[in-house]
Amino acid sequence: MKSISSTSNQSPLDQIYLAESEVALKIAAARKQAEKQLNEAQKQTRLILKQAREANKRAIQEQSQNLIANAEKEARQLILRAKKQSLEIRQKGAKQINPAIDVVVSFVTDTAEKRKDHDT
């Protein structure tokens, strides 16, 4: 491409056309470069968004798994406590069953004796 300075033997109009052509070529090259940079920026943006979505999805899954694991742990602890309380109640009941039977038997026999005395 000829430079404007090397065209001093051309007419001013030819020099203007040549300068316009050079500028048009530079504008086209700059436009092409800008489009290339824009396409690259859009590509990087899509990649970043994809990575962010995947990271967010992993974080949600991890959080869900942690919540489930904590809920299961808490449920196991509640079951263990309920079993322990149930065993304690059974043991207390077993200890108190004989005295309760004695009270009932005593009540029944006293009532029967009182009826006998009353009937006679």
Protein backbone atom coordinates (compact mmCIF):
# COMPACT_ATOMS: atom_id res chain seq x y z
CA MET A 1 0.00 0.00 0.00
CA LYS A 2 1.31 3.43 -0.88
CA SER A 3 1.72 5.94 1.86
CA ILE A 4 0.29 9.45 1.55
CA SER A 5 3.78 10.96 1.79
CA SER A 6 4.97 8.99 -1.25
CA THR A 7 2.14 10.28 -3.42
CA SER A 8 3.25 13.90 -3.68
CA ASN A 9 3.29 13.64 -7.49
CA GLN A 10 -0.44 12.73 -7.50
CA SER A 11 -3.22 15.21 -7.72
CA PRO A 12 -4.81 16.36 -4.49
CA LEU A 13 -8.00 14.51 -5.39
CA ASP A 14 -6.07 11.27 -5.95
CA GLN A 15 -4.31 11.80 -2.65
CA ILE A 16 -7.69 12.23 -0.92
CA TYR A 17 -9.01 9.03 -2.55
CA LEU A 18 -5.88 7.20 -1.52
CA ALA A 19 -6.13 8.54 2.04
CA GLU A 20 -9.81 7.55 2.16
CA SER A 21 -8.93 4.06 0.95
CA GLU A 22 -6.22 3.71 3.58
CA VAL A 23 -8.53 4.97 6.29
CA ALA A 24 -11.34 2.66 5.08
CA LEU A 25 -8.95 -0.30 5.20
CA LYS A 26 -7.83 0.66 8.69
CA ILE A 27 -11.46 1.06 9.80
CA ALA A 28 -12.35 -2.33 8.31
CA ALA A 29 -9.36 -3.94 10.03
CA ALA A 30 -10.24 -2.24 13.32
CA ARG A 31 -13.88 -3.33 12.94
CA LYS A 32 -12.79 -6.89 12.21
CA GLN A 33 -10.47 -6.84 15.25
CA ALA A 34 -13.25 -5.37 17.41
CA GLU A 35 -15.68 -8.08 16.25
CA LYS A 36 -13.06 -10.72 17.02
CA GLN A 37 -12.54 -9.28 20.50
CA LEU A 38 -16.29 -9.02 21.03
CA ASN A 39 -16.79 -12.64 19.98
CA GLU A 40 -14.00 -13.73 22.32
CA ALA A 41 -15.50 -11.71 25.18
CA GLN A 42 -18.92 -13.27 24.55
CA LYS A 43 -17.35 -16.71 24.46
CA GLN A 44 -15.59 -16.06 27.77
CA THR A 45 -18.81 -14.68 29.25
CA ARG A 46 -20.71 -17.83 28.26
CA LEU A 47 -17.92 -19.96 29.74
CA ILE A 48 -17.92 -17.99 33.00
CA LEU A 49 -21.72 -18.23 33.25
CA LYS A 50 -21.61 -21.96 32.59
CA GLN A 51 -18.93 -22.44 35.26
CA ALA A 52 -20.90 -20.30 37.71
CA ARG A 53 -24.07 -22.32 37.10
CA GLU A 54 -22.19 -25.58 37.57
CA ALA A 55 -20.52 -24.31 40.75
CA ASN A 56 -23.90 -23.13 42.05
CA LYS A 57 -25.47 -26.49 41.22
CA ARG A 58 -22.66 -28.32 43.04
CA ALA A 59 -23.01 -26.01 46.04
CA ILE A 60 -26.77 -26.60 46.19
CA GLN A 61 -26.29 -30.36 45.93
CA GLU A 62 -23.64 -30.29 48.65
CA GLN A 63 -25.84 -28.17 50.90
CA SER A 64 -28.79 -30.50 50.29
CA GLN A 65 -26.67 -33.53 51.11
CA ASN A 66 -25.46 -31.86 54.31
CA LEU A 67 -29.01 -30.98 55.33
CA ILE A 68 -30.18 -34.54 54.65
CA ALA A 69 -27.23 -36.00 56.57
CA ASN A 70 -27.93 -33.71 59.52
CA ALA A 71 -31.64 -34.58 59.47
CA GLU A 72 -30.83 -38.30 59.38
CA LYS A 73 -28.38 -37.90 62.26
CA GLU A 74 -30.96 -36.01 64.30
CA ALA A 75 -33.59 -38.67 63.51
CA ARG A 76 -31.23 -41.43 64.68
CA GLN A 77 -30.59 -39.53 67.91
CA LEU A 78 -34.32 -39.08 68.48
CA ILE A 79 -34.91 -42.79 67.89
CA LEU A 80 -32.16 -43.69 70.36
CA ARG A 81 -33.63 -41.34 72.97
CA ALA A 82 -37.11 -42.78 72.43
CA LYS A 83 -35.79 -46.34 72.79
CA LYS A 84 -33.95 -45.38 75.97
CA GLN A 85 -37.05 -43.73 77.42
CA SER A 86 -39.15 -46.75 76.45
CA LEU A 87 -36.71 -49.08 78.19
CA GLU A 88 -36.69 -46.89 81.30
CA ILE A 89 -40.50 -46.88 81.40
CA ARG A 90 -40.60 -50.66 81.03
CA GLN A 91 -38.08 -51.08 83.81
CA LYS A 92 -40.00 -48.74 86.11
CA GLY A 93 -43.21 -50.54 85.20
CA ALA A 94 -41.64 -53.92 85.96
CA LYS A 95 -40.48 -52.65 89.35
CA GLN A 96 -43.90 -51.26 90.18
CA ILE A 97 -46.04 -54.10 88.88
CA ASN A 98 -45.70 -56.27 92.01
CA PRO A 99 -46.54 -53.47 94.46
CA ALA A 100 -49.48 -52.55 92.22
CA ILE A 101 -50.69 -56.14 92.22
CA ASP A 102 -50.38 -56.21 96.00
CA VAL A 103 -52.47 -53.04 96.30
CA VAL A 104 -55.15 -54.44 94.02
CA VAL A 105 -55.19 -57.81 95.80
CA SER A 106 -55.34 -56.08 99.16
CA PHE A 107 -58.19 -53.90 98.01
CA VAL A 108 -60.10 -56.86 96.61
CA THR A 109 -59.55 -59.02 99.69
CA ASP A 110 -60.44 -56.17 102.04
CA THR A 111 -63.58 -55.52 100.08
CA ALA A 112 -64.45 -59.20 100.10
CA GLU A 113 -63.90 -59.41 103.87
CA LYS A 114 -65.99 -56.32 104.46
CA ARG A 115 -68.80 -57.83 102.43
CA LYS A 116 -68.54 -61.04 104.39
CA ASP A 117 -68.70 -59.10 107.65
CA HIS A 118 -71.55 -57.03 106.38
CA ASP A 119 -73.52 -60.10 105.26
CA THR A 120 -73.26 -61.78 108.60
